[in-house]
Protein backbone atom coordinates (compact mmCIF):
# COMPACT_ATOMS: atom_id res chain seq x y z
CA MET A 1 -16.08 24.68 44.85
CA SER A 2 -13.02 22.68 46.02
CA SER A 3 -11.18 20.77 42.87
CA SER A 4 -10.18 17.99 45.30
CA SER A 5 -14.06 17.62 46.13
CA PRO A 6 -16.40 14.63 44.95
CA ILE A 7 -19.23 16.07 43.26
CA ALA A 8 -22.37 17.13 45.19
CA ALA A 9 -25.22 14.32 45.51
CA THR A 10 -27.02 16.85 42.83
CA PRO A 11 -25.00 19.29 40.98
CA SER A 12 -25.99 23.14 40.77
CA PRO A 13 -26.12 24.71 37.32
CA LEU A 14 -24.87 27.44 39.53
CA GLU A 15 -22.21 26.21 40.35
CA ALA A 16 -18.45 26.21 37.83
CA TYR A 17 -17.27 22.35 38.20
CA GLY A 18 -14.00 21.10 37.38
CA LEU A 19 -12.19 17.49 36.67
CA ALA A 20 -12.18 16.39 39.65
CA GLU A 21 -15.79 16.77 39.81
CA LEU A 22 -16.52 15.69 36.87
CA ALA A 23 -14.51 12.26 37.89
CA HIS A 24 -17.08 11.39 40.12
CA TRP A 25 -20.19 12.88 37.90
CA GLU A 26 -23.19 10.46 38.90
CA ARG A 27 -26.76 12.16 37.83
CA ALA A 28 -29.93 10.03 36.40
CA GLY A 29 -31.02 13.09 33.87
CA VAL A 30 -29.33 13.92 30.56
CA SER A 31 -26.29 16.25 31.04
CA LEU A 32 -25.47 18.97 28.77
CA ALA A 33 -22.70 21.58 29.54
CA VAL A 34 -20.71 24.52 28.51
CA LEU A 35 -16.78 23.91 28.78
CA GLY A 36 -14.28 27.14 29.19
CA HIS A 37 -11.19 28.58 31.21
CA PRO A 38 -12.77 31.17 32.65
CA VAL A 39 -16.84 30.25 33.07
CA ALA A 40 -17.68 31.51 35.92
CA HIS A 41 -19.14 34.00 34.04
CA SER A 42 -21.45 32.12 32.08
CA VAL A 43 -24.82 32.63 31.59
CA SER A 44 -25.66 29.61 29.68
CA PRO A 45 -26.57 27.36 32.30
CA PRO A 46 -29.71 29.76 33.35
CA MET A 47 -30.67 30.28 29.73
CA HIS A 48 -30.76 26.50 28.53
CA ASN A 49 -32.43 25.34 31.84
CA ALA A 50 -34.95 28.02 31.56
CA ALA A 51 -35.84 26.77 27.93
CA LEU A 52 -35.41 22.78 29.09
CA ALA A 53 -37.97 23.59 31.76
CA GLU A 54 -40.70 24.93 28.93
CA MET A 55 -39.73 22.20 26.34
CA GLN A 56 -40.31 19.36 29.08
CA ALA A 57 -43.86 20.34 29.28
CA GLN A 58 -44.10 19.19 25.31
CA ARG A 59 -41.28 16.55 25.62
CA PRO A 60 -41.69 13.97 28.78
CA ASP A 61 -38.61 12.49 27.21
CA LEU A 62 -36.85 15.71 28.30
CA ALA A 63 -37.45 15.32 31.90
CA GLY A 64 -34.34 15.33 33.91
CA TRP A 65 -32.08 17.19 31.30
CA SER A 66 -29.99 19.78 32.80
CA TYR A 67 -26.85 22.38 31.79
CA PHE A 68 -24.01 23.05 33.47
CA LYS A 69 -20.54 24.75 33.77
CA PHE A 70 -17.28 23.31 33.99
CA ASP A 71 -14.28 25.16 33.88
CA VAL A 72 -11.53 22.91 32.15
CA GLU A 73 -8.00 24.23 31.57
CA PRO A 74 -6.64 23.75 27.63
CA GLU A 75 -4.39 20.97 28.37
CA ARG A 76 -7.02 19.22 29.84
CA LEU A 77 -9.79 19.26 27.37
CA LYS A 78 -9.27 16.01 25.91
CA PRO A 79 -9.83 14.18 29.34
CA ALA A 80 -12.39 16.46 29.81
CA LEU A 81 -14.60 15.07 26.39
CA ARG A 82 -13.75 11.52 27.46
CA TRP A 83 -14.97 11.82 30.36
CA MET A 84 -17.91 13.16 29.78
CA HIS A 85 -18.74 11.09 26.47
CA GLU A 86 -18.15 7.85 29.23
CA ARG A 87 -20.86 9.59 31.55
CA GLY A 88 -23.60 9.87 29.62
CA PHE A 89 -23.13 14.04 28.50
CA ARG A 90 -25.54 14.48 25.11
CA GLY A 91 -23.75 18.16 24.58
CA VAL A 92 -21.53 20.35 25.06
CA ASN A 93 -20.80 24.23 24.25
CA LEU A 94 -17.04 25.51 24.21
CA THR A 95 -15.94 28.85 24.83
CA VAL A 96 -13.08 30.53 24.87
CA PRO A 97 -9.59 29.12 24.79
CA HIS A 98 -11.24 25.40 23.35
CA LYS A 99 -13.06 26.38 20.12
CA VAL A 100 -10.18 25.77 17.80
CA GLN A 101 -8.15 23.66 20.13
CA VAL A 102 -10.45 20.80 20.07
CA LEU A 103 -10.62 20.05 16.19
CA PRO A 104 -7.92 17.26 16.42
CA LEU A 105 -9.66 16.30 19.23
CA LEU A 106 -13.37 15.57 16.97
CA ASP A 107 -14.66 12.20 14.96
CA GLU A 108 -16.77 14.28 13.05
CA ILE A 109 -17.09 18.05 12.27
CA ASP A 110 -19.94 19.79 10.08
CA ASP A 111 -19.22 21.38 6.71
CA GLU A 112 -19.59 24.76 8.14
CA ALA A 113 -17.52 24.33 11.05
CA ARG A 114 -15.16 22.91 8.90
CA ALA A 115 -14.99 25.87 6.80
CA MET A 116 -15.10 28.31 10.31
CA GLY A 117 -11.99 26.50 11.72
CA ALA A 118 -13.85 26.53 14.74
CA VAL A 119 -16.47 24.45 16.58
CA ASN A 120 -18.49 25.46 19.82
CA THR A 121 -21.23 23.16 19.58
CA LEU A 122 -20.41 18.94 20.37
CA LEU A 123 -22.81 16.39 19.58
CA ALA A 124 -22.06 13.09 21.55
CA ARG A 125 -21.78 10.22 18.83
CA PRO A 126 -23.82 6.60 19.61
CA GLU A 127 -20.92 5.27 18.70
CA GLY A 128 -18.44 6.46 20.62
CA GLY A 129 -16.80 10.52 20.29
CA TRP A 130 -18.22 13.46 19.52
CA ARG A 131 -19.37 15.58 16.49
CA GLY A 132 -18.49 19.58 16.00
CA HIS A 133 -20.64 21.81 14.75
CA ASN A 134 -20.40 25.61 14.75
CA THR A 135 -23.64 27.75 15.72
CA ASP A 136 -21.93 31.05 16.01
CA GLY A 137 -22.76 32.45 11.86
CA TYR A 138 -26.64 31.24 12.49
CA GLY A 139 -26.17 33.74 15.43
CA LEU A 140 -24.75 36.17 13.64
CA ALA A 141 -27.50 36.17 10.77
CA GLN A 142 -29.97 35.76 13.21
CA THR A 143 -29.22 39.12 15.43
CA LEU A 144 -28.93 40.78 12.58
CA ARG A 145 -31.92 40.05 11.11
CA ARG A 146 -34.26 40.59 14.15
CA ASP A 147 -32.11 43.19 15.70
CA LEU A 148 -31.44 45.61 13.08
CA ASN A 149 -33.53 44.43 9.85
CA VAL A 150 -30.62 43.30 7.69
CA GLU A 151 -30.27 40.48 5.53
CA LEU A 152 -26.81 39.45 4.48
CA LYS A 153 -27.21 38.44 0.62
CA GLY A 154 -26.77 41.79 -0.47
CA ALA A 155 -25.50 43.46 1.99
CA ALA A 156 -22.47 45.36 2.42
CA VAL A 157 -20.15 44.58 5.58
CA VAL A 158 -17.43 46.37 7.14
CA LEU A 159 -15.83 43.36 9.99
CA LEU A 160 -13.64 44.23 12.66
CA GLY A 161 -10.96 42.01 13.24
CA ALA A 162 -9.43 38.99 12.24
CA GLY A 163 -9.13 36.37 15.05
CA GLY A 164 -12.05 33.32 15.73
CA ALA A 165 -14.77 35.63 15.86
CA ALA A 166 -13.70 37.68 12.43
CA ARG A 167 -13.22 34.10 10.66
CA GLY A 168 -16.92 33.18 11.20
CA ALA A 169 -18.63 36.07 10.88
CA ALA A 170 -16.92 36.16 7.63
CA ILE A 171 -17.66 33.13 6.25
CA GLN A 172 -21.10 33.37 7.10
CA CYS A 173 -21.28 36.70 5.87
CA LEU A 174 -19.83 35.27 2.20
CA ARG A 175 -21.97 32.05 2.30
CA ASP A 176 -25.48 33.96 2.52
CA GLY A 177 -23.85 36.26 -0.54
CA CYS A 178 -22.88 39.49 1.58
CA ALA A 179 -22.37 42.05 -1.96
CA ALA A 180 -19.25 42.93 -0.53
CA LEU A 181 -16.84 42.52 2.94
CA TRP A 182 -14.25 45.02 3.87
CA ILE A 183 -12.21 43.53 6.50
CA GLY A 184 -9.69 45.61 8.77
CA ASN A 185 -6.94 45.06 11.06
CA ARG A 186 -4.64 46.50 13.41
CA SER A 187 -1.87 43.79 12.80
CA LEU A 188 -1.52 43.81 8.90
CA ASP A 189 0.34 40.71 8.86
CA LYS A 190 -2.35 39.00 10.51
CA LEU A 191 -4.93 40.61 8.33
CA ASP A 192 -3.16 39.24 5.36
CA ASP A 193 -2.75 35.77 6.59
CA PHE A 194 -6.68 36.21 7.36
CA LEU A 195 -6.90 37.20 3.74
CA VAL A 196 -5.15 34.22 2.56
CA GLN A 197 -7.22 31.91 4.63
CA LEU A 198 -10.63 33.55 2.98
CA ALA A 199 -9.40 33.21 -0.78
CA PRO A 200 -10.60 29.64 -1.65
CA LEU A 201 -14.42 30.85 -0.64
CA ASP A 202 -13.92 33.68 -2.40
CA PRO A 203 -13.95 33.36 -6.30
CA ASP A 204 -15.93 36.53 -6.82
CA GLU A 205 -13.08 38.80 -5.23
CA ARG A 206 -15.99 40.69 -2.70
CA VAL A 207 -13.25 40.48 0.56
CA HIS A 208 -11.27 43.66 0.87
CA GLY A 209 -8.71 44.16 3.67
CA PHE A 210 -7.68 47.87 5.32
CA ASP A 211 -5.78 49.34 7.82
CA LEU A 212 -8.09 49.90 10.61
CA ALA A 213 -5.82 53.61 11.01
CA ARG A 214 -6.57 54.42 7.26
CA PRO A 215 -10.39 53.33 6.64
CA PRO A 216 -11.54 53.47 3.06
CA VAL A 217 -14.38 55.65 3.78
CA ASP A 218 -14.83 56.40 0.55
CA GLU A 219 -15.74 53.22 -0.61
CA TRP A 220 -18.25 52.08 1.47
CA PRO A 221 -22.35 52.44 0.65
CA ALA A 222 -24.68 54.92 2.96
CA ASP A 223 -26.10 51.51 4.07
CA VAL A 224 -22.74 49.55 5.25
CA VAL A 225 -23.44 47.30 8.05
CA VAL A 226 -20.19 47.44 10.36
CA VAL A 227 -19.72 44.40 12.41
CA ASN A 228 -17.29 44.72 15.70
CA ALA A 229 -15.66 40.80 16.03
CA THR A 230 -12.63 42.32 17.84
CA SER A 231 -12.54 42.44 22.02
CA LEU A 232 -12.57 46.15 22.42
CA GLY A 233 -15.28 46.93 24.70
CA LEU A 234 -15.28 43.51 26.86
CA LYS A 235 -13.43 45.57 29.46
CA PRO A 236 -14.69 48.59 31.27
CA GLY A 237 -12.54 51.55 30.11
CA ASP A 238 -11.59 50.20 26.95
CA PRO A 239 -12.28 52.45 24.13
CA ALA A 240 -14.78 51.80 20.95
CA PRO A 241 -12.60 50.12 18.02
CA PHE A 242 -13.71 52.66 15.76
CA ASP A 243 -14.83 55.96 14.96
CA VAL A 244 -18.43 55.62 13.83
CA GLY A 245 -18.32 59.74 13.29
CA MET A 246 -17.38 58.69 9.82
CA PHE A 247 -20.18 56.93 9.12
CA GLY A 248 -23.71 58.85 7.58
CA SER A 249 -27.24 58.08 9.45
CA GLU A 250 -27.90 54.95 7.08
CA THR A 251 -25.03 52.80 8.94
CA ARG A 252 -25.88 49.90 10.78
CA VAL A 253 -23.72 48.64 13.90
CA LEU A 254 -23.32 44.91 15.27
CA ASP A 255 -21.22 44.77 18.41
CA MET A 256 -20.65 40.96 19.14
CA ILE A 257 -19.55 41.85 22.78
CA TYR A 258 -22.85 42.47 25.60
CA ARG A 259 -21.33 43.28 29.17
CA ARG A 260 -23.40 43.30 32.48
CA GLU A 261 -22.87 47.02 32.67
CA GLY A 262 -24.92 47.95 29.35
CA ALA A 263 -23.76 49.58 26.18
CA THR A 264 -20.77 48.96 25.02
CA PRO A 265 -18.56 51.67 23.87
CA LEU A 266 -19.42 51.54 20.35
CA VAL A 267 -23.05 50.71 20.58
CA ALA A 268 -23.46 53.68 23.12
CA ALA A 269 -21.39 55.65 20.88
CA ALA A 270 -23.57 54.47 17.47
CA ARG A 271 -26.70 55.41 19.11
CA ALA A 272 -25.45 58.95 20.32
CA ARG A 273 -25.36 59.40 16.58
CA GLY A 274 -28.78 58.13 15.94
CA LEU A 275 -27.32 54.86 14.19
CA GLN A 276 -29.33 52.06 14.55
CA ALA A 277 -26.99 49.83 16.91
CA ALA A 278 -26.84 46.44 19.10
CA ASP A 279 -24.73 44.34 21.00
CA GLY A 280 -24.11 40.83 21.03
CA LEU A 281 -26.40 39.21 23.39
CA GLY A 282 -28.79 38.06 20.26
CA MET A 283 -25.54 35.85 19.27
CA LEU A 284 -25.41 34.53 22.53
CA VAL A 285 -29.35 33.23 22.89
CA TRP A 286 -29.58 32.45 19.05
CA GLN A 287 -26.21 30.62 19.10
CA GLY A 288 -27.68 28.82 22.32
CA VAL A 289 -31.21 28.11 20.36
CA ARG A 290 -29.62 26.36 17.63
CA SER A 291 -26.99 24.56 20.20
CA LEU A 292 -30.08 23.55 22.11
CA GLU A 293 -32.57 22.41 18.97
CA ILE A 294 -29.19 20.32 17.52
CA TRP A 295 -29.15 18.37 21.09
CA THR A 296 -32.39 17.54 21.26
CA GLY A 297 -34.60 17.89 17.53
CA ALA A 298 -36.79 20.52 19.11
CA THR A 299 -37.20 24.01 18.86
CA PRO A 300 -36.57 25.92 21.44
CA PRO A 301 -38.12 29.23 22.92
CA ALA A 302 -35.75 32.38 22.15
CA GLN A 303 -37.74 34.28 24.02
CA THR A 304 -37.91 32.58 27.56
CA MET A 305 -33.74 31.77 26.64
CA MET A 306 -33.45 35.79 26.19
CA ASP A 307 -35.69 36.38 29.39
CA ALA A 308 -33.43 34.11 31.62
CA ALA A 309 -29.93 35.85 30.23
CA CYS A 310 -31.24 39.28 31.01
CA ARG A 311 -32.34 38.21 34.32
CA ALA A 312 -28.65 36.74 35.11
CA LEU A 313 -26.95 39.82 33.48
CA GLY A 314 -28.85 42.08 35.12
CA LEU A 315 -30.57 44.25 32.25
CA PRO A 316 -33.48 45.39 31.44
CA PRO A 317 -35.79 42.60 29.10
CA ARG A 318 -35.40 42.64 25.87
CA HIS A 319 -37.36 40.86 22.41
CA ALA A 320 -35.15 38.05 21.01
């Protein structure tokens, strides 16, 4: 849609709108949205709208609620959030590149999001402004439990990466009581900065850093859990971020990435060795479940959301 066009009389959840459409936004029901740049690929609208359609049968007050997507450049995030609040948006999901940039724009941040240093879910405050939450950690824990039968409490975890996604994963692991956490990264300067940030949350020194080129395999137990929080595997032709050949048969692997093309290189390599492995689609669904719960105060149908996400991505059905 042209950025200079006024909003259609009935906005479509299939369109990726911009600030020009937001300036003319008028609809009778409650609006929800995901903001990103880019965002056209997002399957959050069909996922959330499928859940809302089912929830409305039991919750008539949710009639008219609908979820949309907006492509907003980083420098325009502040006016976008102001206009959304003025136009009655109830909640917003944030994706790349807004999760950290939004922090100084918020009026309130919950403790978990503050610890993670990132926000992916906003709830409109009646008195004005937004309250920030982070549901990514919840999505990680639920996916490990449901897809790989892993409880973070007492687990030994190897985390690949030192960016924003890794920070959220590391803090969730520590908060849930992991026994040990090894964090590997190619840039050792970035890794050192990451370890310094985590130190206040790790008084019992469960966290250990390592160079991805020299993994300390001998230190890891046989049933270690590997979590990929790098972006390797997102693009066609990307290699796996790690050689799974060094792991034993009890290792379980979670790749935070999911792809329309099917298994990521890491998941494919792990499964070829007979290891339990899962991609990040479950994380997408379960962080969305928690977001929708924050906005509605009700329990969303997770399987309905997974079914809708799979249809949107052209993937075979799977359990949530």
